[in-house]
N, C-alpha and C. Protein backbone atom coordinates (compact mmCIF):
# COMPACT_ATOMS: atom_id res chain seq x y z
N MET A 1 0.77 -1.14 0.07
CA MET A 1 -0.08 0.11 0.10
C MET A 1 0.96 1.43 0.12
N THR A 2 1.71 1.23 1.07
CA THR A 2 2.73 2.43 0.89
C THR A 2 3.62 2.45 -0.27
N GLU A 3 4.02 1.44 -1.01
CA GLU A 3 4.39 1.62 -2.38
C GLU A 3 3.49 2.12 -3.31
N GLU A 4 2.73 1.73 -3.30
CA GLU A 4 1.42 2.40 -4.21
C GLU A 4 1.52 4.02 -4.02
N LYS A 5 1.13 4.16 -2.77
CA LYS A 5 1.20 5.81 -2.52
C LYS A 5 2.47 6.40 -2.98
N SER A 6 3.35 6.11 -2.72
CA SER A 6 4.62 6.48 -3.08
C SER A 6 4.81 6.41 -4.70
N TYR A 7 4.39 5.72 -5.29
CA TYR A 7 4.47 5.55 -6.86
C TYR A 7 3.21 6.65 -7.34
N LYS A 8 2.00 7.11 -6.70
CA LYS A 8 1.37 7.84 -7.02
C LYS A 8 1.81 9.38 -6.94
N LYS A 9 2.27 9.36 -5.60
CA LYS A 9 2.94 10.59 -5.45
C LYS A 9 4.12 10.90 -6.87
N LEU A 10 5.03 10.17 -6.87
CA LEU A 10 5.93 10.38 -8.06
C LEU A 10 5.45 10.74 -9.30
N LYS A 11 4.28 9.80 -9.36
CA LYS A 11 3.48 10.10 -10.82
C LYS A 11 3.16 11.87 -11.02
N ILE A 12 2.60 12.06 -9.81
CA ILE A 12 2.01 13.27 -9.78
C ILE A 12 2.89 14.60 -9.84
N ILE A 13 4.09 14.06 -9.05
CA ILE A 13 5.31 15.19 -9.20
C ILE A 13 6.09 15.32 -10.43
N THR A 14 5.85 13.98 -11.16
CA THR A 14 6.38 13.85 -12.62
C THR A 14 5.37 14.83 -13.32
N ILE A 15 4.18 14.67 -13.30
CA ILE A 15 3.23 15.38 -14.28
C ILE A 15 3.54 17.12 -14.04
N ILE A 16 3.43 17.40 -12.88
CA ILE A 16 3.55 18.87 -12.14
C ILE A 16 4.77 19.37 -12.83
N LEU A 17 5.95 18.46 -12.89
CA LEU A 17 7.15 19.31 -13.49
C LEU A 17 6.79 19.26 -14.85
N SER A 18 6.47 18.37 -15.37
CA SER A 18 6.24 18.16 -16.76
C SER A 18 5.41 19.38 -17.31
N VAL A 19 4.33 19.90 -16.49
CA VAL A 19 3.71 21.07 -17.11
C VAL A 19 4.45 22.13 -17.14
N PHE A 20 5.03 22.30 -15.92
CA PHE A 20 5.98 23.64 -15.63
C PHE A 20 7.01 23.71 -16.61
N LEU A 21 7.50 22.53 -17.16
CA LEU A 21 8.63 22.57 -18.37
C LEU A 21 8.10 22.85 -19.54
N LEU A 22 6.76 22.51 -19.90
CA LEU A 22 6.23 22.95 -21.05
C LEU A 22 5.93 24.32 -20.98
N ILE A 23 5.27 24.88 -19.74
CA ILE A 23 5.14 26.33 -19.85
C ILE A 23 6.36 27.28 -19.88
N SER A 24 7.34 26.56 -19.48
CA SER A 24 8.65 27.35 -19.12
C SER A 24 9.20 27.35 -20.83
N ILE A 25 9.04 26.33 -21.40
CA ILE A 25 9.70 25.96 -22.75
C ILE A 25 8.84 26.83 -23.80
N SER A 26 7.57 27.13 -23.79
CA SER A 26 6.72 27.86 -24.19
C SER A 26 6.80 29.48 -24.24
N TYR A 27 7.09 29.92 -22.92
CA TYR A 27 7.75 31.24 -22.59
C TYR A 27 8.70 31.66 -23.13
N ILE A 28 9.52 30.64 -23.31
CA ILE A 28 11.15 31.32 -23.83
C ILE A 28 10.93 31.23 -25.38
N ILE A 29 10.27 30.48 -25.72
CA ILE A 29 9.83 30.43 -27.40
C ILE A 29 9.00 31.56 -27.79
N LEU A 30 8.24 31.90 -26.90
CA LEU A 30 7.29 33.28 -27.24
C LEU A 30 8.27 34.49 -26.87
N ASP A 31 9.29 34.32 -25.89
CA ASP A 31 9.81 35.76 -25.87
C ASP A 31 11.05 35.61 -26.79
N LYS A 32 11.55 34.79 -27.29
CA LYS A 32 12.69 34.71 -28.42
C LYS A 32 11.78 35.23 -29.82
N TYR A 33 10.63 34.61 -29.87
CA TYR A 33 9.51 35.18 -31.00
C TYR A 33 9.73 36.63 -31.22
N PHE A 34 9.14 37.09 -29.92
CA PHE A 34 8.96 38.61 -30.13
C PHE A 34 9.99 39.48 -29.98
N GLN A 35 11.13 38.86 -29.66
CA GLN A 35 12.67 39.51 -29.75
C GLN A 35 12.85 39.82 -31.26
N VAL A 36 12.79 38.64 -32.23
CA VAL A 36 13.05 38.89 -33.23
C VAL A 36 12.05 39.88 -34.27
N GLN A 37 11.03 39.67 -33.65
CA GLN A 37 9.71 40.52 -34.54
C GLN A 37 10.38 42.12 -34.22
N GLN A 38 10.90 42.52 -32.70
CA GLN A 38 11.41 43.89 -32.28
C GLN A 38 12.35 43.99 -33.08
N ARG A 39 13.38 43.51 -33.21
CA ARG A 39 14.51 43.46 -34.03
C ARG A 39 14.35 43.73 -35.38
N GLU A 40 13.33 43.09 -36.14
CA GLU A 40 13.09 43.35 -37.62
C GLU A 40 12.46 44.72 -37.57
N GLN A 41 11.94 45.01 -36.87
CA GLN A 41 10.97 46.28 -37.05
C GLN A 41 11.90 47.46 -36.97
N PHE A 42 12.83 47.35 -35.38
CA PHE A 42 14.03 48.46 -35.25
C PHE A 42 14.75 48.48 -36.56
N ILE A 43 15.28 47.51 -37.33
CA ILE A 43 15.90 47.45 -38.16
C ILE A 43 15.23 48.46 -39.65
N ALA A 44 13.84 47.85 -39.79
CA ALA A 44 13.32 48.42 -40.71
C ALA A 44 13.19 49.96 -40.54
N TYR A 45 13.00 50.44 -38.89
CA TYR A 45 12.85 51.90 -38.91
C TYR A 45 14.32 52.49 -39.05
N GLN A 46 15.03 51.88 -38.54
CA GLN A 46 16.50 52.55 -39.09
C GLN A 46 17.07 52.54 -40.32
N GLN A 47 16.62 51.59 -41.19
CA GLN A 47 16.99 51.74 -42.68
C GLN A 47 15.98 53.12 -43.18
N GLY A 48 14.87 53.22 -42.63
CA GLY A 48 13.85 54.53 -43.35
C GLY A 48 14.44 55.37 -42.81
N TYR A 49 15.16 55.65 -41.71
CA TYR A 49 15.55 56.82 -41.07
C TYR A 49 16.88 56.99 -41.90
N ASN A 50 17.57 56.40 -42.11
CA ASN A 50 18.93 56.54 -42.74
C ASN A 50 18.57 56.95 -44.55
N GLU A 51 17.65 56.23 -44.99
CA GLU A 51 17.20 56.44 -46.23
C GLU A 51 16.61 57.94 -46.39
N GLY A 52 15.80 58.18 -45.20
CA GLY A 52 15.02 59.69 -45.38
C GLY A 52 16.29 60.69 -45.16
N TYR A 53 17.27 60.38 -44.33
CA TYR A 53 18.37 61.22 -44.22
C TYR A 53 19.42 61.50 -45.60
N ALA A 54 19.38 60.44 -46.19
CA ALA A 54 20.17 60.37 -47.42
C ALA A 54 19.44 61.27 -48.54
N GLN A 55 18.51 61.18 -48.68
CA GLN A 55 17.26 61.75 -49.40
C GLN A 55 17.52 63.10 -49.31
N ALA A 56 17.13 63.36 -47.82
CA ALA A 56 17.27 65.06 -47.69
C ALA A 56 18.36 65.70 -48.11
N ILE A 57 19.48 65.04 -47.59
CA ILE A 57 21.13 65.63 -48.06
C ILE A 57 21.03 65.87 -49.65
N ILE A 58 20.73 64.56 -50.37
CA ILE A 58 20.53 64.80 -51.99
C ILE A 58 20.06 65.97 -52.36
N GLN A 59 18.59 66.05 -51.60
CA GLN A 59 17.93 67.30 -52.19
C GLN A 59 18.52 68.64 -51.85
N ILE A 60 19.29 69.09 -50.96
CA ILE A 60 19.77 69.93 -50.61
C ILE A 60 20.96 70.03 -51.38
N VAL A 61 21.53 69.29 -51.67
CA VAL A 61 22.73 69.27 -52.57
C VAL A 61 22.47 69.66 -54.25
N GLN A 62 21.26 69.01 -54.48
CA GLN A 62 20.64 69.41 -55.81
C GLN A 62 20.16 70.71 -56.10
N GLN A 63 19.57 71.25 -54.96
CA GLN A 63 18.96 72.63 -54.89
C GLN A 63 19.90 73.47 -54.95
N ALA A 64 21.16 73.12 -54.19
CA ALA A 64 22.01 74.22 -54.03
C ALA A 64 23.03 74.25 -55.23
N SER A 65 23.38 73.27 -56.10
CA SER A 65 24.20 73.16 -57.07
C SER A 65 23.31 73.78 -58.33
N THR A 66 21.89 74.70 -58.03
CA THR A 66 21.38 75.03 -59.26
C THR A 66 21.35 76.77 -59.00
N CYS A 67 22.50 76.88 -58.24
CA CYS A 67 22.90 78.41 -57.80
C CYS A 67 21.74 79.09 -57.15
N GLN A 68 20.83 78.49 -56.31
CA GLN A 68 19.67 79.00 -55.43
C GLN A 68 19.97 78.83 -54.10
N GLN A 69 19.55 79.82 -53.07
CA GLN A 69 19.79 79.81 -51.93
C GLN A 69 18.84 78.86 -51.22
N VAL A 70 19.32 77.92 -50.66
CA VAL A 70 18.59 76.51 -49.68
C VAL A 70 18.60 76.92 -48.42
N PRO A 71 17.41 77.49 -47.83
CA PRO A 71 17.18 77.38 -46.35
C PRO A 71 16.96 76.38 -45.53
N LEU A 72 17.90 76.18 -44.60
CA LEU A 72 18.06 75.39 -43.57
C LEU A 72 17.47 75.81 -42.32
N ILE A 73 16.40 75.08 -41.77
CA ILE A 73 15.88 75.53 -40.33
C ILE A 73 16.02 74.42 -39.62
N VAL A 74 16.74 74.84 -38.32
CA VAL A 74 16.80 73.87 -37.22
C VAL A 74 16.23 75.00 -35.81
N GLY A 75 15.11 74.38 -35.42
CA GLY A 75 14.49 74.92 -34.16
C GLY A 75 14.35 76.39 -34.70
N ASN A 76 14.99 77.28 -33.88
CA ASN A 76 14.80 78.73 -34.05
C ASN A 76 15.59 79.40 -35.06
N SER A 77 16.34 78.59 -35.53
CA SER A 77 17.34 78.94 -36.43
C SER A 77 17.48 78.73 -37.92
N THR A 78 17.69 80.12 -38.49
CA THR A 78 17.46 79.77 -40.33
C THR A 78 18.79 80.18 -40.60
N MET A 79 19.26 79.35 -41.53
CA MET A 79 20.53 79.57 -42.30
C MET A 79 20.23 79.21 -43.77
N ASN A 80 20.91 80.15 -44.69
CA ASN A 80 20.60 79.91 -45.93
C ASN A 80 21.94 79.71 -46.69
N ILE A 81 22.07 78.40 -47.44
CA ILE A 81 23.28 77.92 -48.06
C ILE A 81 23.23 78.23 -49.48
N ILE A 82 24.67 78.06 -50.00
CA ILE A 82 24.61 78.02 -51.80
C ILE A 82 25.91 77.54 -51.83
N ALA A 83 25.85 76.79 -53.05
CA ALA A 83 27.18 76.28 -53.33
C ALA A 83 28.32 77.21 -53.63
N VAL A 84 29.50 76.79 -53.14
CA VAL A 84 30.46 77.88 -53.45
C VAL A 84 30.98 78.16 -54.95
N ASN A 85 30.64 77.04 -55.81
CA ASN A 85 30.98 77.27 -56.93
C ASN A 85 29.87 78.28 -57.67
N CYS A 86 28.80 78.79 -57.25
CA CYS A 86 27.93 79.71 -57.61
C CYS A 86 28.48 81.01 -57.26
N LEU A 87 29.46 81.32 -56.26
CA LEU A 87 29.86 82.56 -56.01
C LEU A 87 30.93 83.14 -56.72
N LYS A 88 31.37 82.31 -57.75
CA LYS A 88 32.65 82.75 -58.65
C LYS A 88 31.98 83.54 -59.57
């Protein structure tokens, strides 16, 4: 009888530990999945930012190369730039 009780206790403990193991593994997998998703979103955001920055610089250079003043506004400051070649 005691051997049977001991076997049942062992079986219950094994089931409980198996459930905890499955929950832990599921949590780790979901956590890693969300990390990958966040990393991909950040990379896309960073690439978009860099592309926008590059396009803005290209636009400024193209406009300045036509010998027109290009107003640059940063906060409360405004600066007009023009290509040096146009000053000759």
